[in-house]
């Protein structure tokens, strides 16, 4: 499924954000995967519910490390995000741009069953 919106609230002692981002759901060898295109992170499990739960854990861990080291903005910009410093608004890179630069995403889109 190419048009799945992943929604999660990420919070730690330094920051809190609500994230709404596209994800790709696919299956390979009877394992269900959820891949967030804008962060290049993947969750997996035996069911869609398990891969969503796994992805929540992965996203929280990803969020914790750079916020604790004050590098979240730098890391997100490295993978194509835009940050408005005045409003702190985050904008994910568009899918077309990601498809041009991300080999993992290309492999998923062109080779995995949805």
Protein backbone atom coordinates (compact mmCIF):
# COMPACT_ATOMS: atom_id res chain seq x y z
CA UNK A 1 0.00 0.00 0.00
CA UNK A 2 1.56 3.26 -1.10
CA UNK A 3 -0.87 5.72 0.47
CA UNK A 4 -0.75 4.92 4.18
CA UNK A 5 -0.45 7.79 6.67
CA UNK A 6 1.55 6.94 9.79
CA UNK A 7 0.63 9.10 12.78
CA UNK A 8 2.54 9.15 16.04
CA UNK A 9 3.25 11.49 18.92
CA UNK A 10 6.92 11.44 19.85
CA UNK A 11 7.96 12.83 23.20
CA UNK A 12 10.92 12.83 25.51
CA UNK A 13 12.25 15.13 28.22
CA UNK A 14 13.38 17.74 25.66
CA UNK A 15 10.79 17.78 22.90
CA UNK A 16 7.36 16.71 21.73
CA UNK A 17 6.20 16.43 18.12
CA UNK A 18 3.17 15.04 16.34
CA UNK A 19 4.25 13.31 13.17
CA UNK A 20 1.99 12.57 10.21
CA UNK A 21 4.01 11.06 7.40
CA UNK A 22 3.47 8.72 4.46
CA UNK A 23 4.52 5.11 4.86
CA UNK A 24 4.66 2.18 2.50
CA UNK A 25 3.24 -1.12 3.68
CA UNK A 26 4.50 -4.25 1.95
CA UNK A 27 5.04 -7.94 2.55
CA UNK A 28 8.05 -10.10 1.85
CA UNK A 29 8.40 -13.79 2.81
CA UNK A 30 5.24 -13.55 4.95
CA UNK A 31 6.71 -10.68 7.00
CA UNK A 32 4.80 -7.38 7.03
CA UNK A 33 6.86 -4.21 6.72
CA UNK A 34 6.09 -0.51 7.20
CA UNK A 35 8.67 1.82 5.68
CA UNK A 36 8.53 5.55 6.37
CA UNK A 37 9.87 7.10 3.23
CA UNK A 38 10.77 10.44 4.80
CA UNK A 39 12.89 8.95 7.58
CA UNK A 40 14.18 5.77 5.93
CA UNK A 41 13.06 3.76 8.97
CA UNK A 42 11.31 0.39 8.91
CA UNK A 43 9.12 -1.60 11.27
CA UNK A 44 8.20 -5.23 10.74
CA UNK A 45 6.11 -8.03 12.17
CA UNK A 46 3.90 -11.01 11.44
CA UNK A 47 0.85 -8.75 11.02
CA UNK A 48 0.09 -5.14 10.09
CA UNK A 49 -0.55 -4.41 13.78
CA UNK A 50 2.86 -5.82 14.73
CA UNK A 51 4.69 -3.85 12.05
CA UNK A 52 2.94 -0.65 13.14
CA UNK A 53 3.91 -1.28 16.79
CA UNK A 54 7.47 -2.07 15.74
CA UNK A 55 7.62 1.13 13.70
CA UNK A 56 6.42 3.16 16.70
CA UNK A 57 9.30 1.78 18.77
CA UNK A 58 11.82 2.45 15.99
CA UNK A 59 10.55 6.01 15.53
CA UNK A 60 10.66 6.75 19.27
CA UNK A 61 14.22 5.46 19.52
CA UNK A 62 15.23 7.42 16.42
CA UNK A 63 13.66 10.56 17.94
CA UNK A 64 15.28 10.11 21.36
CA UNK A 65 18.91 9.84 20.29
CA UNK A 66 19.25 13.00 18.17
CA UNK A 67 17.09 15.11 20.50
CA UNK A 68 19.26 14.14 23.46
CA UNK A 69 22.33 15.21 21.46
CA UNK A 70 20.64 18.28 19.90
CA UNK A 71 21.15 16.94 16.37
CA UNK A 72 17.57 16.15 15.29
CA UNK A 73 17.29 19.10 12.91
CA UNK A 74 20.67 18.40 11.34
CA UNK A 75 19.84 14.72 10.90
CA UNK A 76 16.45 15.43 9.33
CA UNK A 77 17.95 17.99 6.97
CA UNK A 78 20.54 15.39 5.93
CA UNK A 79 17.73 13.19 4.60
CA UNK A 80 15.92 16.03 2.85
CA UNK A 81 13.58 17.60 5.42
CA UNK A 82 13.02 21.36 5.43
CA UNK A 83 12.90 23.20 8.77
CA UNK A 84 11.40 26.64 9.29
CA UNK A 85 13.48 27.98 12.17
CA UNK A 86 10.96 30.70 13.04
CA UNK A 87 7.95 28.40 13.42
CA UNK A 88 9.83 25.11 14.02
CA UNK A 89 7.63 23.60 11.30
CA UNK A 90 9.05 20.46 9.71
CA UNK A 91 8.33 19.58 6.09
CA UNK A 92 9.11 16.12 4.79
CA UNK A 93 10.69 15.72 1.37
CA UNK A 94 8.19 14.89 -1.36
CA UNK A 95 7.86 11.33 -2.60
CA UNK A 96 9.16 12.07 -6.10
CA UNK A 97 12.38 13.55 -4.71
CA UNK A 98 12.84 10.63 -2.34
CA UNK A 99 12.31 8.14 -5.14
CA UNK A 100 15.12 9.80 -7.11
CA UNK A 101 17.67 9.69 -4.28
CA UNK A 102 16.80 6.67 -2.13
CA UNK A 103 17.83 3.27 -3.51
CA UNK A 104 16.01 1.40 -0.72
CA UNK A 105 12.77 3.18 -1.61
CA UNK A 106 13.26 2.41 -5.32
CA UNK A 107 13.70 -1.28 -4.50
CA UNK A 108 10.54 -1.33 -2.40
CA UNK A 109 8.38 0.54 -4.92
CA UNK A 110 9.52 -1.36 -7.98
CA UNK A 111 10.11 -4.85 -6.56
CA UNK A 112 7.89 -5.53 -3.51
CA UNK A 113 4.29 -6.71 -3.56
CA UNK A 114 1.77 -4.40 -1.89
